[in-house]
Every structure is written in structure tokens, then in C-alpha cells.
């Protein structure tokens, strides 16, 4: 089982600030399953995001317009 650094966990508000979206946007996406946002962990009613997951999600959405140009 993968060991997660709990010291590197972020709240919904922290992730919303990083992504420049409202916390409610992340909350709605979690409840409806609609939207493309970083994975999260739920502990009963508490939700946290692993910093490495957020960083990887951001990197996966990077667009480099120079790629594929000859």
C-alpha cells in the first residue's frame, strides 16, 4: 500500500486558491462527479488533497504549443 505524507495534505480552500477557483466549485465537482479536478481523500466528513496529486494533475494539464511543430 502506498504511504501518503499526511503533512503534505491540503484543504479544499488551499487547492481552490492554487487552482484559482472557488472552493464551492471543487465541492460541487466532488458531489456530482462532474468536472476534471485533482483526486481527493475523504476521511468521514473531512476532505483533503495530497499535494503530490495536485501537482501531478496540474502537470498533466500543461499545454505546450511548440510540441509537434517542425
N, C-alpha and C. Protein backbone atom coordinates (compact mmCIF):
# COMPACT_ATOMS: atom_id res chain seq x y z
N UNK A 1 0.84 -1.18 0.00
CA UNK A 1 0.00 0.00 0.00
C UNK A 1 0.89 1.24 0.00
N UNK A 2 0.50 2.21 -0.80
CA UNK A 2 1.26 3.46 -0.92
C UNK A 2 1.15 4.27 0.38
N UNK A 3 2.29 4.74 0.85
CA UNK A 3 2.31 5.56 2.06
C UNK A 3 2.20 7.03 1.66
N UNK A 4 1.25 7.74 2.26
CA UNK A 4 1.00 9.14 1.93
C UNK A 4 1.52 10.03 3.05
N UNK A 5 2.24 11.06 2.67
CA UNK A 5 2.75 12.03 3.62
C UNK A 5 1.60 12.93 4.06
N UNK A 6 1.06 12.68 5.24
CA UNK A 6 -0.10 13.45 5.69
C UNK A 6 0.25 14.90 5.97
N UNK A 7 1.53 15.20 6.13
CA UNK A 7 1.94 16.60 6.33
C UNK A 7 1.80 17.39 5.03
N UNK A 8 1.74 16.69 3.91
CA UNK A 8 1.63 17.34 2.60
C UNK A 8 0.20 17.25 2.07
N UNK A 9 -0.77 17.38 2.97
CA UNK A 9 -2.17 17.35 2.56
C UNK A 9 -2.75 18.76 2.60
N UNK A 10 -3.62 19.03 1.65
CA UNK A 10 -4.20 20.36 1.50
C UNK A 10 -5.70 20.33 1.70
N UNK A 11 -6.24 21.44 2.18
CA UNK A 11 -7.68 21.57 2.33
C UNK A 11 -8.29 21.98 0.99
N UNK A 12 -9.60 21.92 0.93
CA UNK A 12 -10.32 22.36 -0.27
C UNK A 12 -9.99 23.82 -0.56
N UNK A 13 -9.97 24.64 0.47
CA UNK A 13 -9.70 26.07 0.29
C UNK A 13 -8.29 26.31 -0.25
N UNK A 14 -7.32 25.53 0.22
CA UNK A 14 -5.96 25.69 -0.27
C UNK A 14 -5.84 25.30 -1.74
N UNK A 15 -6.48 24.20 -2.12
CA UNK A 15 -6.44 23.76 -3.51
C UNK A 15 -7.18 24.75 -4.40
N UNK A 16 -8.30 25.25 -3.92
CA UNK A 16 -9.05 26.24 -4.69
C UNK A 16 -8.18 27.47 -4.96
N UNK A 17 -7.42 27.90 -3.97
CA UNK A 17 -6.54 29.06 -4.15
C UNK A 17 -5.44 28.75 -5.18
N UNK A 18 -4.88 27.54 -5.12
CA UNK A 18 -3.84 27.15 -6.08
C UNK A 18 -4.40 27.14 -7.50
N UNK A 19 -5.62 26.61 -7.66
CA UNK A 19 -6.22 26.48 -8.99
C UNK A 19 -6.97 27.73 -9.44
N UNK A 20 -7.07 28.71 -8.53
CA UNK A 20 -7.78 29.95 -8.82
C UNK A 20 -9.25 29.69 -9.17
N UNK A 21 -9.88 28.83 -8.37
CA UNK A 21 -11.31 28.56 -8.50
C UNK A 21 -11.92 28.72 -7.11
N UNK A 22 -13.23 28.77 -7.04
CA UNK A 22 -13.91 28.84 -5.75
C UNK A 22 -13.93 27.47 -5.10
N UNK A 23 -13.88 27.45 -3.78
CA UNK A 23 -13.95 26.18 -3.05
C UNK A 23 -15.25 25.45 -3.39
N UNK A 24 -16.32 26.20 -3.60
CA UNK A 24 -17.60 25.60 -3.96
C UNK A 24 -17.55 24.85 -5.27
N UNK A 25 -16.69 25.28 -6.18
CA UNK A 25 -16.53 24.58 -7.45
C UNK A 25 -15.98 23.18 -7.21
N UNK A 26 -14.99 23.08 -6.35
CA UNK A 26 -14.43 21.76 -6.02
C UNK A 26 -15.44 20.91 -5.27
N UNK A 27 -16.17 21.53 -4.35
CA UNK A 27 -17.18 20.80 -3.58
C UNK A 27 -18.28 20.26 -4.49
N UNK A 28 -18.72 21.07 -5.43
CA UNK A 28 -19.77 20.63 -6.36
C UNK A 28 -19.26 19.50 -7.26
N UNK A 29 -18.01 19.64 -7.74
CA UNK A 29 -17.43 18.60 -8.59
C UNK A 29 -17.34 17.27 -7.83
N UNK A 30 -16.98 17.34 -6.55
CA UNK A 30 -16.89 16.11 -5.75
C UNK A 30 -18.25 15.46 -5.57
N UNK A 31 -19.27 16.27 -5.33
CA UNK A 31 -20.59 15.70 -5.05
C UNK A 31 -21.30 15.21 -6.30
N UNK A 32 -21.03 15.82 -7.44
CA UNK A 32 -21.71 15.43 -8.68
C UNK A 32 -20.88 14.51 -9.56
N UNK A 33 -19.56 14.51 -9.34
CA UNK A 33 -18.68 13.72 -10.19
C UNK A 33 -18.45 14.36 -11.54
N UNK A 34 -18.89 15.60 -11.70
CA UNK A 34 -18.75 16.30 -12.96
C UNK A 34 -17.55 17.24 -12.88
N UNK A 35 -16.75 17.24 -13.90
CA UNK A 35 -15.60 18.12 -13.94
C UNK A 35 -14.31 17.34 -13.82
N UNK A 36 -13.25 17.99 -14.19
CA UNK A 36 -11.93 17.38 -14.17
C UNK A 36 -11.10 18.11 -13.13
N UNK A 37 -10.98 17.52 -11.96
CA UNK A 37 -10.24 18.13 -10.87
C UNK A 37 -9.35 17.08 -10.22
N UNK A 38 -8.39 17.51 -9.41
CA UNK A 38 -7.47 16.54 -8.78
C UNK A 38 -8.20 15.54 -7.88
N UNK A 39 -7.62 14.36 -7.73
CA UNK A 39 -8.21 13.36 -6.83
C UNK A 39 -8.13 13.84 -5.39
N UNK A 40 -9.00 13.31 -4.56
CA UNK A 40 -9.05 13.72 -3.16
C UNK A 40 -9.21 12.50 -2.27
N UNK A 41 -9.03 12.73 -0.97
CA UNK A 41 -9.20 11.68 0.03
C UNK A 41 -10.27 12.14 0.99
N UNK A 42 -11.19 11.25 1.31
CA UNK A 42 -12.26 11.59 2.25
C UNK A 42 -12.08 10.77 3.53
N UNK A 43 -12.02 11.48 4.65
CA UNK A 43 -12.00 10.87 5.98
C UNK A 43 -13.31 11.27 6.63
N UNK A 44 -14.28 10.39 6.63
CA UNK A 44 -15.62 10.71 7.14
C UNK A 44 -16.13 11.96 6.44
N UNK A 45 -16.20 13.09 7.14
CA UNK A 45 -16.68 14.33 6.51
C UNK A 45 -15.55 15.25 6.09
N UNK A 46 -14.32 14.86 6.39
CA UNK A 46 -13.16 15.69 6.07
C UNK A 46 -12.61 15.30 4.71
N UNK A 47 -12.30 16.30 3.89
CA UNK A 47 -11.73 16.07 2.58
C UNK A 47 -10.35 16.71 2.54
N UNK A 48 -9.39 15.98 2.02
CA UNK A 48 -8.03 16.50 1.85
C UNK A 48 -7.52 16.10 0.48
N UNK A 49 -6.61 16.90 -0.03
CA UNK A 49 -5.93 16.64 -1.29
C UNK A 49 -4.46 16.42 -1.01
N UNK A 50 -3.87 15.41 -1.63
CA UNK A 50 -2.44 15.17 -1.48
C UNK A 50 -1.71 16.14 -2.41
N UNK A 51 -0.76 16.87 -1.86
CA UNK A 51 -0.04 17.90 -2.64
C UNK A 51 0.57 17.31 -3.91
N UNK A 52 1.16 16.13 -3.81
CA UNK A 52 1.77 15.50 -4.99
C UNK A 52 0.72 15.20 -6.06
N UNK A 53 -0.50 14.81 -5.65
CA UNK A 53 -1.58 14.56 -6.61
C UNK A 53 -2.00 15.85 -7.31
N UNK A 54 -2.09 16.93 -6.56
CA UNK A 54 -2.45 18.23 -7.14
C UNK A 54 -1.38 18.67 -8.13
N UNK A 55 -0.11 18.54 -7.74
CA UNK A 55 0.99 18.91 -8.63
C UNK A 55 0.98 18.07 -9.91
N UNK A 56 0.74 16.77 -9.77
CA UNK A 56 0.70 15.88 -10.94
C UNK A 56 -0.48 16.23 -11.84
N UNK A 57 -1.63 16.56 -11.24
CA UNK A 57 -2.81 16.92 -12.01
C UNK A 57 -2.54 18.20 -12.82
N UNK A 58 -1.91 19.17 -12.18
CA UNK A 58 -1.57 20.41 -12.87
C UNK A 58 -0.62 20.12 -14.03
N UNK A 59 0.41 19.32 -13.78
CA UNK A 59 1.38 18.99 -14.83
C UNK A 59 0.72 18.25 -15.99
N UNK A 60 -0.28 17.42 -15.70
CA UNK A 60 -0.94 16.66 -16.77
C UNK A 60 -1.82 17.55 -17.66
N UNK A 61 -2.11 18.76 -17.20
CA UNK A 61 -2.92 19.68 -17.99
C UNK A 61 -2.11 20.75 -18.70
N UNK A 62 -0.82 20.58 -18.66
CA UNK A 62 0.06 21.55 -19.30
C UNK A 62 -0.05 21.41 -20.82
N UNK A 63 -0.15 22.53 -21.49
CA UNK A 63 -0.22 22.54 -22.95
C UNK A 63 1.01 23.26 -23.46
N UNK A 64 1.77 22.57 -24.29
CA UNK A 64 2.96 23.16 -24.90
C UNK A 64 2.70 23.26 -26.40
N UNK A 65 2.46 24.45 -26.87
CA UNK A 65 2.11 24.65 -28.26
C UNK A 65 3.27 24.38 -29.20
N UNK A 66 4.47 24.31 -28.67
CA UNK A 66 5.64 24.02 -29.51
C UNK A 66 5.76 22.54 -29.83
N UNK A 67 5.12 21.68 -29.03
CA UNK A 67 5.21 20.25 -29.30
C UNK A 67 4.53 19.92 -30.62
N UNK A 68 5.15 19.11 -31.41
CA UNK A 68 4.59 18.69 -32.67
C UNK A 68 4.88 19.65 -33.81
N UNK A 69 5.53 20.76 -33.52
CA UNK A 69 5.86 21.70 -34.58
C UNK A 69 7.25 21.37 -35.11
N UNK A 70 7.39 21.35 -36.40
CA UNK A 70 8.69 21.03 -37.02
C UNK A 70 9.40 22.27 -37.45
